[in-house]
mmCIF file of all heavy atoms, coordinates in Angstrom:
data_MODEL
# 
_entry.id   MODEL 
# 
loop_
_atom_site.group_PDB 
_atom_site.id 
_atom_site.type_symbol 
_atom_site.label_atom_id 
_atom_site.label_alt_id 
_atom_site.label_comp_id 
_atom_site.label_asym_id 
_atom_site.label_entity_id 
_atom_site.label_seq_id 
_atom_site.pdbx_PDB_ins_code 
_atom_site.Cartn_x 
_atom_site.Cartn_y 
_atom_site.Cartn_z 
_atom_site.occupancy 
_atom_site.B_iso_or_equiv 
_atom_site.pdbx_formal_charge 
_atom_site.auth_seq_id 
_atom_site.auth_comp_id 
_atom_site.auth_asym_id 
_atom_site.auth_atom_id 
_atom_site.pdbx_PDB_model_num 
ATOM 1   N N   . VAL A 1 1  ? -66.892 70.368 -61.545 1.00 0.00 ? 1  VAL A N   1 
ATOM 2   C CA  . VAL A 1 1  ? -67.585 69.125 -61.058 1.00 0.00 ? 1  VAL A CA  1 
ATOM 3   C C   . VAL A 1 1  ? -67.628 68.300 -62.433 1.00 0.00 ? 1  VAL A C   1 
ATOM 4   O O   . VAL A 1 1  ? -68.167 68.669 -63.345 1.00 0.00 ? 1  VAL A O   1 
ATOM 5   C CB  . VAL A 1 1  ? -68.975 69.520 -60.701 1.00 0.00 ? 1  VAL A CB  1 
ATOM 6   C CG1 . VAL A 1 1  ? -69.806 68.214 -60.360 1.00 0.00 ? 1  VAL A CG1 1 
ATOM 7   C CG2 . VAL A 1 1  ? -68.985 70.398 -59.456 1.00 0.00 ? 1  VAL A CG2 1 
ATOM 8   N N   . LEU A 1 2  ? -67.053 67.078 -62.230 1.00 0.00 ? 2  LEU A N   1 
ATOM 9   C CA  . LEU A 1 2  ? -67.131 66.216 -63.417 1.00 0.00 ? 2  LEU A CA  1 
ATOM 10  C C   . LEU A 1 2  ? -68.068 65.275 -63.208 1.00 0.00 ? 2  LEU A C   1 
ATOM 11  O O   . LEU A 1 2  ? -68.426 64.776 -62.147 1.00 0.00 ? 2  LEU A O   1 
ATOM 12  C CB  . LEU A 1 2  ? -65.735 65.387 -63.475 1.00 0.00 ? 2  LEU A CB  1 
ATOM 13  C CG  . LEU A 1 2  ? -64.490 66.294 -63.739 1.00 0.00 ? 2  LEU A CG  1 
ATOM 14  C CD1 . LEU A 1 2  ? -63.196 65.440 -63.560 1.00 0.00 ? 2  LEU A CD1 1 
ATOM 15  C CD2 . LEU A 1 2  ? -64.505 67.088 -65.030 1.00 0.00 ? 2  LEU A CD2 1 
ATOM 16  N N   . ALA A 1 3  ? -68.731 64.655 -64.323 1.00 0.00 ? 3  ALA A N   1 
ATOM 17  C CA  . ALA A 1 3  ? -69.743 63.648 -64.324 1.00 0.00 ? 3  ALA A CA  1 
ATOM 18  C C   . ALA A 1 3  ? -68.967 62.405 -64.286 1.00 0.00 ? 3  ALA A C   1 
ATOM 19  O O   . ALA A 1 3  ? -67.955 62.084 -64.858 1.00 0.00 ? 3  ALA A O   1 
ATOM 20  C CB  . ALA A 1 3  ? -70.509 63.691 -65.646 1.00 0.00 ? 3  ALA A CB  1 
ATOM 21  N N   . PRO A 1 4  ? -69.483 61.392 -63.464 1.00 0.00 ? 4  PRO A N   1 
ATOM 22  C CA  . PRO A 1 4  ? -68.829 60.131 -63.366 1.00 0.00 ? 4  PRO A CA  1 
ATOM 23  C C   . PRO A 1 4  ? -68.918 59.341 -64.722 1.00 0.00 ? 4  PRO A C   1 
ATOM 24  O O   . PRO A 1 4  ? -69.894 59.533 -65.485 1.00 0.00 ? 4  PRO A O   1 
ATOM 25  C CB  . PRO A 1 4  ? -69.684 59.380 -62.236 1.00 0.00 ? 4  PRO A CB  1 
ATOM 26  C CG  . PRO A 1 4  ? -70.970 60.055 -62.277 1.00 0.00 ? 4  PRO A CG  1 
ATOM 27  C CD  . PRO A 1 4  ? -70.760 61.461 -62.597 1.00 0.00 ? 4  PRO A CD  1 
ATOM 28  N N   . SER A 1 5  ? -68.037 58.465 -64.893 1.00 0.00 ? 5  SER A N   1 
ATOM 29  C CA  . SER A 1 5  ? -67.908 57.590 -66.014 1.00 0.00 ? 5  SER A CA  1 
ATOM 30  C C   . SER A 1 5  ? -68.152 56.123 -65.621 1.00 0.00 ? 5  SER A C   1 
ATOM 31  O O   . SER A 1 5  ? -67.384 55.687 -64.697 1.00 0.00 ? 5  SER A O   1 
ATOM 32  C CB  . SER A 1 5  ? -66.653 57.795 -66.872 1.00 0.00 ? 5  SER A CB  1 
ATOM 33  O OG  . SER A 1 5  ? -66.496 59.195 -67.233 1.00 0.00 ? 5  SER A OG  1 
ATOM 34  N N   . TYR A 1 6  ? -68.880 55.377 -66.386 1.00 0.00 ? 6  TYR A N   1 
ATOM 35  C CA  . TYR A 1 6  ? -69.169 53.959 -65.986 1.00 0.00 ? 6  TYR A CA  1 
ATOM 36  C C   . TYR A 1 6  ? -68.684 53.127 -67.231 1.00 0.00 ? 6  TYR A C   1 
ATOM 37  O O   . TYR A 1 6  ? -68.825 53.445 -68.274 1.00 0.00 ? 6  TYR A O   1 
ATOM 38  C CB  . TYR A 1 6  ? -70.570 53.708 -65.672 1.00 0.00 ? 6  TYR A CB  1 
ATOM 39  C CG  . TYR A 1 6  ? -71.252 54.418 -64.495 1.00 0.00 ? 6  TYR A CG  1 
ATOM 40  C CD1 . TYR A 1 6  ? -71.812 55.513 -64.667 1.00 0.00 ? 6  TYR A CD1 1 
ATOM 41  C CD2 . TYR A 1 6  ? -70.814 54.159 -63.224 1.00 0.00 ? 6  TYR A CD2 1 
ATOM 42  C CE1 . TYR A 1 6  ? -72.362 56.399 -63.539 1.00 0.00 ? 6  TYR A CE1 1 
ATOM 43  C CE2 . TYR A 1 6  ? -71.285 54.730 -62.143 1.00 0.00 ? 6  TYR A CE2 1 
ATOM 44  C CZ  . TYR A 1 6  ? -72.084 55.840 -62.354 1.00 0.00 ? 6  TYR A CZ  1 
ATOM 45  O OH  . TYR A 1 6  ? -72.524 56.578 -61.324 1.00 0.00 ? 6  TYR A OH  1 
ATOM 46  N N   . VAL A 1 7  ? -68.034 51.958 -66.805 1.00 0.00 ? 7  VAL A N   1 
ATOM 47  C CA  . VAL A 1 7  ? -67.777 50.938 -67.893 1.00 0.00 ? 7  VAL A CA  1 
ATOM 48  C C   . VAL A 1 7  ? -68.733 49.900 -67.868 1.00 0.00 ? 7  VAL A C   1 
ATOM 49  O O   . VAL A 1 7  ? -69.057 49.148 -66.899 1.00 0.00 ? 7  VAL A O   1 
ATOM 50  C CB  . VAL A 1 7  ? -66.260 50.382 -67.611 1.00 0.00 ? 7  VAL A CB  1 
ATOM 51  C CG1 . VAL A 1 7  ? -65.917 49.359 -68.615 1.00 0.00 ? 7  VAL A CG1 1 
ATOM 52  C CG2 . VAL A 1 7  ? -65.271 51.537 -67.451 1.00 0.00 ? 7  VAL A CG2 1 
ATOM 53  N N   . ILE A 1 8  ? -69.453 49.768 -69.020 1.00 0.00 ? 8  ILE A N   1 
ATOM 54  C CA  . ILE A 1 8  ? -70.543 48.856 -69.102 1.00 0.00 ? 8  ILE A CA  1 
ATOM 55  C C   . ILE A 1 8  ? -70.128 47.465 -68.987 1.00 0.00 ? 8  ILE A C   1 
ATOM 56  O O   . ILE A 1 8  ? -69.128 47.066 -69.660 1.00 0.00 ? 8  ILE A O   1 
ATOM 57  C CB  . ILE A 1 8  ? -71.264 49.049 -70.526 1.00 0.00 ? 8  ILE A CB  1 
ATOM 58  C CG1 . ILE A 1 8  ? -71.842 50.450 -70.618 1.00 0.00 ? 8  ILE A CG1 1 
ATOM 59  C CG2 . ILE A 1 8  ? -72.364 47.933 -70.633 1.00 0.00 ? 8  ILE A CG2 1 
ATOM 60  C CD1 . ILE A 1 8  ? -72.486 50.749 -71.957 1.00 0.00 ? 8  ILE A CD1 1 
ATOM 61  N N   . GLY A 1 9  ? -70.806 46.651 -68.168 1.00 0.00 ? 9  GLY A N   1 
ATOM 62  C CA  . GLY A 1 9  ? -70.423 45.236 -68.030 1.00 0.00 ? 9  GLY A CA  1 
ATOM 63  C C   . GLY A 1 9  ? -69.261 45.024 -67.043 1.00 0.00 ? 9  GLY A C   1 
ATOM 64  O O   . GLY A 1 9  ? -68.837 43.822 -66.874 1.00 0.00 ? 9  GLY A O   1 
ATOM 65  N N   . ALA A 1 10 ? -68.638 45.934 -66.546 1.00 0.00 ? 10 ALA A N   1 
ATOM 66  C CA  . ALA A 1 10 ? -67.551 45.856 -65.590 1.00 0.00 ? 10 ALA A CA  1 
ATOM 67  C C   . ALA A 1 10 ? -67.964 45.450 -64.314 1.00 0.00 ? 10 ALA A C   1 
ATOM 68  O O   . ALA A 1 10 ? -69.000 45.876 -63.817 1.00 0.00 ? 10 ALA A O   1 
ATOM 69  C CB  . ALA A 1 10 ? -66.658 47.133 -65.459 1.00 0.00 ? 10 ALA A CB  1 
ATOM 70  N N   . SER A 1 11 ? -67.212 44.531 -63.657 1.00 0.00 ? 11 SER A N   1 
ATOM 71  C CA  . SER A 1 11 ? -67.537 44.147 -62.316 1.00 0.00 ? 11 SER A CA  1 
ATOM 72  C C   . SER A 1 11 ? -66.857 45.174 -61.323 1.00 0.00 ? 11 SER A C   1 
ATOM 73  O O   . SER A 1 11 ? -65.889 45.723 -61.742 1.00 0.00 ? 11 SER A O   1 
ATOM 74  C CB  . SER A 1 11 ? -67.080 42.708 -61.943 1.00 0.00 ? 11 SER A CB  1 
ATOM 75  O OG  . SER A 1 11 ? -65.795 42.637 -62.138 1.00 0.00 ? 11 SER A OG  1 
ATOM 76  N N   . GLY A 1 12 ? -67.346 45.278 -60.150 1.00 0.00 ? 12 GLY A N   1 
ATOM 77  C CA  . GLY A 1 12 ? -66.695 46.230 -59.188 1.00 0.00 ? 12 GLY A CA  1 
ATOM 78  C C   . GLY A 1 12 ? -66.981 47.674 -59.785 1.00 0.00 ? 12 GLY A C   1 
ATOM 79  O O   . GLY A 1 12 ? -66.008 48.340 -60.168 1.00 0.00 ? 12 GLY A O   1 
ATOM 80  N N   . ARG A 1 13 ? -68.151 48.114 -59.723 1.00 0.00 ? 13 ARG A N   1 
ATOM 81  C CA  . ARG A 1 13 ? -68.469 49.359 -60.487 1.00 0.00 ? 13 ARG A CA  1 
ATOM 82  C C   . ARG A 1 13 ? -67.812 50.583 -59.983 1.00 0.00 ? 13 ARG A C   1 
ATOM 83  O O   . ARG A 1 13 ? -67.334 51.478 -60.740 1.00 0.00 ? 13 ARG A O   1 
ATOM 84  C CB  . ARG A 1 13 ? -70.103 49.574 -60.288 1.00 0.00 ? 13 ARG A CB  1 
ATOM 85  C CG  . ARG A 1 13 ? -70.716 50.656 -61.116 1.00 0.00 ? 13 ARG A CG  1 
ATOM 86  C CD  . ARG A 1 13 ? -72.145 50.764 -60.846 1.00 0.00 ? 13 ARG A CD  1 
ATOM 87  N NE  . ARG A 1 13 ? -72.635 51.750 -61.852 1.00 0.00 ? 13 ARG A NE  1 
ATOM 88  C CZ  . ARG A 1 13 ? -73.950 52.065 -61.766 1.00 0.00 ? 13 ARG A CZ  1 
ATOM 89  N NH1 . ARG A 1 13 ? -74.806 51.622 -60.880 1.00 0.00 ? 13 ARG A NH1 1 
ATOM 90  N NH2 . ARG A 1 13 ? -74.546 52.933 -62.585 1.00 0.00 ? 13 ARG A NH2 1 
ATOM 91  N N   . GLY A 1 14 ? -67.547 50.705 -58.672 1.00 0.00 ? 14 GLY A N   1 
ATOM 92  C CA  . GLY A 1 14 ? -66.835 51.821 -58.211 1.00 0.00 ? 14 GLY A CA  1 
ATOM 93  C C   . GLY A 1 14 ? -65.466 51.994 -58.682 1.00 0.00 ? 14 GLY A C   1 
ATOM 94  O O   . GLY A 1 14 ? -64.981 53.106 -59.060 1.00 0.00 ? 14 GLY A O   1 
ATOM 95  N N   . ALA A 1 15 ? -64.699 50.829 -58.829 1.00 0.00 ? 15 ALA A N   1 
ATOM 96  C CA  . ALA A 1 15 ? -63.403 50.882 -59.273 1.00 0.00 ? 15 ALA A CA  1 
ATOM 97  C C   . ALA A 1 15 ? -63.270 51.295 -60.789 1.00 0.00 ? 15 ALA A C   1 
ATOM 98  O O   . ALA A 1 15 ? -62.441 51.985 -61.257 1.00 0.00 ? 15 ALA A O   1 
ATOM 99  C CB  . ALA A 1 15 ? -62.650 49.518 -59.144 1.00 0.00 ? 15 ALA A CB  1 
ATOM 100 N N   . ALA A 1 16 ? -64.279 50.764 -61.588 1.00 0.00 ? 16 ALA A N   1 
ATOM 101 C CA  . ALA A 1 16 ? -64.364 51.120 -62.899 1.00 0.00 ? 16 ALA A CA  1 
ATOM 102 C C   . ALA A 1 16 ? -64.658 52.684 -63.175 1.00 0.00 ? 16 ALA A C   1 
ATOM 103 O O   . ALA A 1 16 ? -64.152 53.224 -64.028 1.00 0.00 ? 16 ALA A O   1 
ATOM 104 C CB  . ALA A 1 16 ? -65.633 50.270 -63.708 1.00 0.00 ? 16 ALA A CB  1 
ATOM 105 N N   . VAL A 1 17 ? -65.527 53.317 -62.279 1.00 0.00 ? 17 VAL A N   1 
ATOM 106 C CA  . VAL A 1 17 ? -65.841 54.665 -62.396 1.00 0.00 ? 17 VAL A CA  1 
ATOM 107 C C   . VAL A 1 17 ? -64.464 55.378 -62.176 1.00 0.00 ? 17 VAL A C   1 
ATOM 108 O O   . VAL A 1 17 ? -64.146 56.290 -62.894 1.00 0.00 ? 17 VAL A O   1 
ATOM 109 C CB  . VAL A 1 17 ? -66.867 55.000 -61.298 1.00 0.00 ? 17 VAL A CB  1 
ATOM 110 C CG1 . VAL A 1 17 ? -66.971 56.473 -61.148 1.00 0.00 ? 17 VAL A CG1 1 
ATOM 111 C CG2 . VAL A 1 17 ? -68.145 54.495 -61.712 1.00 0.00 ? 17 VAL A CG2 1 
ATOM 112 N N   . ASP A 1 18 ? -63.749 55.166 -60.967 1.00 0.00 ? 18 ASP A N   1 
ATOM 113 C CA  . ASP A 1 18 ? -62.584 55.837 -60.757 1.00 0.00 ? 18 ASP A CA  1 
ATOM 114 C C   . ASP A 1 18 ? -61.541 55.809 -61.825 1.00 0.00 ? 18 ASP A C   1 
ATOM 115 O O   . ASP A 1 18 ? -60.992 56.721 -62.241 1.00 0.00 ? 18 ASP A O   1 
ATOM 116 C CB  . ASP A 1 18 ? -61.989 55.207 -59.425 1.00 0.00 ? 18 ASP A CB  1 
ATOM 117 C CG  . ASP A 1 18 ? -62.791 55.644 -58.172 1.00 0.00 ? 18 ASP A CG  1 
ATOM 118 O OD1 . ASP A 1 18 ? -63.611 56.579 -58.293 1.00 0.00 ? 18 ASP A OD1 1 
ATOM 119 O OD2 . ASP A 1 18 ? -62.560 54.958 -57.144 1.00 0.00 ? 18 ASP A OD2 1 
ATOM 120 N N   . ALA A 1 19 ? -61.390 54.538 -62.441 1.00 0.00 ? 19 ALA A N   1 
ATOM 121 C CA  . ALA A 1 19 ? -60.355 54.371 -63.487 1.00 0.00 ? 19 ALA A CA  1 
ATOM 122 C C   . ALA A 1 19 ? -60.767 55.164 -64.694 1.00 0.00 ? 19 ALA A C   1 
ATOM 123 O O   . ALA A 1 19 ? -59.947 55.827 -65.298 1.00 0.00 ? 19 ALA A O   1 
ATOM 124 C CB  . ALA A 1 19 ? -60.214 52.956 -63.764 1.00 0.00 ? 19 ALA A CB  1 
ATOM 125 N N   . ALA A 1 20 ? -62.099 55.269 -65.072 1.00 0.00 ? 20 ALA A N   1 
ATOM 126 C CA  . ALA A 1 20 ? -62.487 55.902 -66.248 1.00 0.00 ? 20 ALA A CA  1 
ATOM 127 C C   . ALA A 1 20 ? -62.315 57.426 -66.151 1.00 0.00 ? 20 ALA A C   1 
ATOM 128 O O   . ALA A 1 20 ? -62.112 58.210 -67.087 1.00 0.00 ? 20 ALA A O   1 
ATOM 129 C CB  . ALA A 1 20 ? -63.851 55.564 -66.670 1.00 0.00 ? 20 ALA A CB  1 
ATOM 130 N N   . VAL A 1 21 ? -62.575 57.885 -64.955 1.00 0.00 ? 21 VAL A N   1 
ATOM 131 C CA  . VAL A 1 21 ? -62.723 59.379 -64.793 1.00 0.00 ? 21 VAL A CA  1 
ATOM 132 C C   . VAL A 1 21 ? -61.287 60.004 -64.376 1.00 0.00 ? 21 VAL A C   1 
ATOM 133 O O   . VAL A 1 21 ? -61.248 61.306 -64.302 1.00 0.00 ? 21 VAL A O   1 
ATOM 134 C CB  . VAL A 1 21 ? -63.749 59.806 -63.619 1.00 0.00 ? 21 VAL A CB  1 
ATOM 135 C CG1 . VAL A 1 21 ? -63.242 59.635 -62.303 1.00 0.00 ? 21 VAL A CG1 1 
ATOM 136 C CG2 . VAL A 1 21 ? -64.301 61.169 -63.905 1.00 0.00 ? 21 VAL A CG2 1 
ATOM 137 N N   . GLU A 1 22 ? -60.411 59.229 -63.961 1.00 0.00 ? 22 GLU A N   1 
ATOM 138 C CA  . GLU A 1 22 ? -59.154 59.739 -63.431 1.00 0.00 ? 22 GLU A CA  1 
ATOM 139 C C   . GLU A 1 22 ? -58.308 60.635 -64.362 1.00 0.00 ? 22 GLU A C   1 
ATOM 140 O O   . GLU A 1 22 ? -57.908 61.716 -64.012 1.00 0.00 ? 22 GLU A O   1 
ATOM 141 C CB  . GLU A 1 22 ? -58.192 58.508 -63.019 1.00 0.00 ? 22 GLU A CB  1 
ATOM 142 C CG  . GLU A 1 22 ? -57.043 59.054 -62.136 1.00 0.00 ? 22 GLU A CG  1 
ATOM 143 C CD  . GLU A 1 22 ? -57.474 59.868 -60.910 1.00 0.00 ? 22 GLU A CD  1 
ATOM 144 O OE1 . GLU A 1 22 ? -58.453 59.624 -60.338 1.00 0.00 ? 22 GLU A OE1 1 
ATOM 145 O OE2 . GLU A 1 22 ? -56.701 60.770 -60.552 1.00 0.00 ? 22 GLU A OE2 1 
ATOM 146 N N   . PRO A 1 23 ? -58.279 60.366 -65.756 1.00 0.00 ? 23 PRO A N   1 
ATOM 147 C CA  . PRO A 1 23 ? -57.602 61.240 -66.682 1.00 0.00 ? 23 PRO A CA  1 
ATOM 148 C C   . PRO A 1 23 ? -58.381 62.627 -66.759 1.00 0.00 ? 23 PRO A C   1 
ATOM 149 O O   . PRO A 1 23 ? -57.649 63.548 -66.803 1.00 0.00 ? 23 PRO A O   1 
ATOM 150 C CB  . PRO A 1 23 ? -57.732 60.479 -67.969 1.00 0.00 ? 23 PRO A CB  1 
ATOM 151 C CG  . PRO A 1 23 ? -57.832 59.099 -67.671 1.00 0.00 ? 23 PRO A CG  1 
ATOM 152 C CD  . PRO A 1 23 ? -58.572 59.099 -66.467 1.00 0.00 ? 23 PRO A CD  1 
ATOM 153 N N   . LYS A 1 24 ? -59.612 62.612 -66.658 1.00 0.00 ? 24 LYS A N   1 
ATOM 154 C CA  . LYS A 1 24 ? -60.406 63.859 -66.738 1.00 0.00 ? 24 LYS A CA  1 
ATOM 155 C C   . LYS A 1 24 ? -60.144 64.710 -65.473 1.00 0.00 ? 24 LYS A C   1 
ATOM 156 O O   . LYS A 1 24 ? -59.981 65.838 -65.456 1.00 0.00 ? 24 LYS A O   1 
ATOM 157 C CB  . LYS A 1 24 ? -61.880 63.633 -66.874 1.00 0.00 ? 24 LYS A CB  1 
ATOM 158 C CG  . LYS A 1 24 ? -62.233 62.959 -68.110 1.00 0.00 ? 24 LYS A CG  1 
ATOM 159 C CD  . LYS A 1 24 ? -63.735 62.711 -68.175 1.00 0.00 ? 24 LYS A CD  1 
ATOM 160 C CE  . LYS A 1 24 ? -64.150 62.120 -69.545 1.00 0.00 ? 24 LYS A CE  1 
ATOM 161 N NZ  . LYS A 1 24 ? -65.624 61.762 -69.532 1.00 0.00 ? 24 LYS A NZ  1 
ATOM 162 N N   . ARG A 1 25 ? -59.974 63.937 -64.304 1.00 0.00 ? 25 ARG A N   1 
ATOM 163 C CA  . ARG A 1 25 ? -59.821 64.676 -62.983 1.00 0.00 ? 25 ARG A CA  1 
ATOM 164 C C   . ARG A 1 25 ? -58.342 65.241 -63.078 1.00 0.00 ? 25 ARG A C   1 
ATOM 165 O O   . ARG A 1 25 ? -58.236 66.370 -62.569 1.00 0.00 ? 25 ARG A O   1 
ATOM 166 C CB  . ARG A 1 25 ? -59.919 63.587 -61.863 1.00 0.00 ? 25 ARG A CB  1 
ATOM 167 C CG  . ARG A 1 25 ? -59.873 64.259 -60.474 1.00 0.00 ? 25 ARG A CG  1 
ATOM 168 C CD  . ARG A 1 25 ? -59.439 63.330 -59.461 1.00 0.00 ? 25 ARG A CD  1 
ATOM 169 N NE  . ARG A 1 25 ? -60.239 62.030 -59.385 1.00 0.00 ? 25 ARG A NE  1 
ATOM 170 C CZ  . ARG A 1 25 ? -61.328 62.000 -58.577 1.00 0.00 ? 25 ARG A CZ  1 
ATOM 171 N NH1 . ARG A 1 25 ? -61.753 62.969 -57.728 1.00 0.00 ? 25 ARG A NH1 1 
ATOM 172 N NH2 . ARG A 1 25 ? -62.042 60.839 -58.592 1.00 0.00 ? 25 ARG A NH2 1 
ATOM 173 N N   . HIS A 1 26 ? -57.377 64.581 -63.530 1.00 0.00 ? 26 HIS A N   1 
ATOM 174 C CA  . HIS A 1 26 ? -56.068 64.995 -63.596 1.00 0.00 ? 26 HIS A CA  1 
ATOM 175 C C   . HIS A 1 26 ? -56.051 66.293 -64.578 1.00 0.00 ? 26 HIS A C   1 
ATOM 176 O O   . HIS A 1 26 ? -55.365 67.295 -64.215 1.00 0.00 ? 26 HIS A O   1 
ATOM 177 C CB  . HIS A 1 26 ? -55.139 64.030 -64.211 1.00 0.00 ? 26 HIS A CB  1 
ATOM 178 C CG  . HIS A 1 26 ? -53.734 64.398 -64.374 1.00 0.00 ? 26 HIS A CG  1 
ATOM 179 N ND1 . HIS A 1 26 ? -52.933 64.552 -63.094 1.00 0.00 ? 26 HIS A ND1 1 
ATOM 180 C CD2 . HIS A 1 26 ? -52.880 64.823 -65.413 1.00 0.00 ? 26 HIS A CD2 1 
ATOM 181 C CE1 . HIS A 1 26 ? -51.709 65.011 -63.645 1.00 0.00 ? 26 HIS A CE1 1 
ATOM 182 N NE2 . HIS A 1 26 ? -51.738 65.090 -64.939 1.00 0.00 ? 26 HIS A NE2 1 
ATOM 183 N N   . ALA A 1 27 ? -56.698 66.130 -65.628 1.00 0.00 ? 27 ALA A N   1 
ATOM 184 C CA  . ALA A 1 27 ? -56.764 67.403 -66.660 1.00 0.00 ? 27 ALA A CA  1 
ATOM 185 C C   . ALA A 1 27 ? -57.402 68.638 -65.984 1.00 0.00 ? 27 ALA A C   1 
ATOM 186 O O   . ALA A 1 27 ? -56.890 69.750 -66.082 1.00 0.00 ? 27 ALA A O   1 
ATOM 187 C CB  . ALA A 1 27 ? -57.426 66.985 -67.861 1.00 0.00 ? 27 ALA A CB  1 
ATOM 188 N N   . ALA A 1 28 ? -58.517 68.440 -65.363 1.00 0.00 ? 28 ALA A N   1 
ATOM 189 C CA  . ALA A 1 28 ? -59.281 69.435 -64.702 1.00 0.00 ? 28 ALA A CA  1 
ATOM 190 C C   . ALA A 1 28 ? -58.400 70.054 -63.482 1.00 0.00 ? 28 ALA A C   1 
ATOM 191 O O   . ALA A 1 28 ? -58.381 71.290 -63.352 1.00 0.00 ? 28 ALA A O   1 
ATOM 192 C CB  . ALA A 1 28 ? -60.549 68.930 -64.167 1.00 0.00 ? 28 ALA A CB  1 
# 
């Protein structure tokens, strides 16, 4: 279970979360 990552100030919060956590998801 990975913790979500948020990009401060980014619009479209959901997309920012997915983009930030994707490398961790791939490694896991």
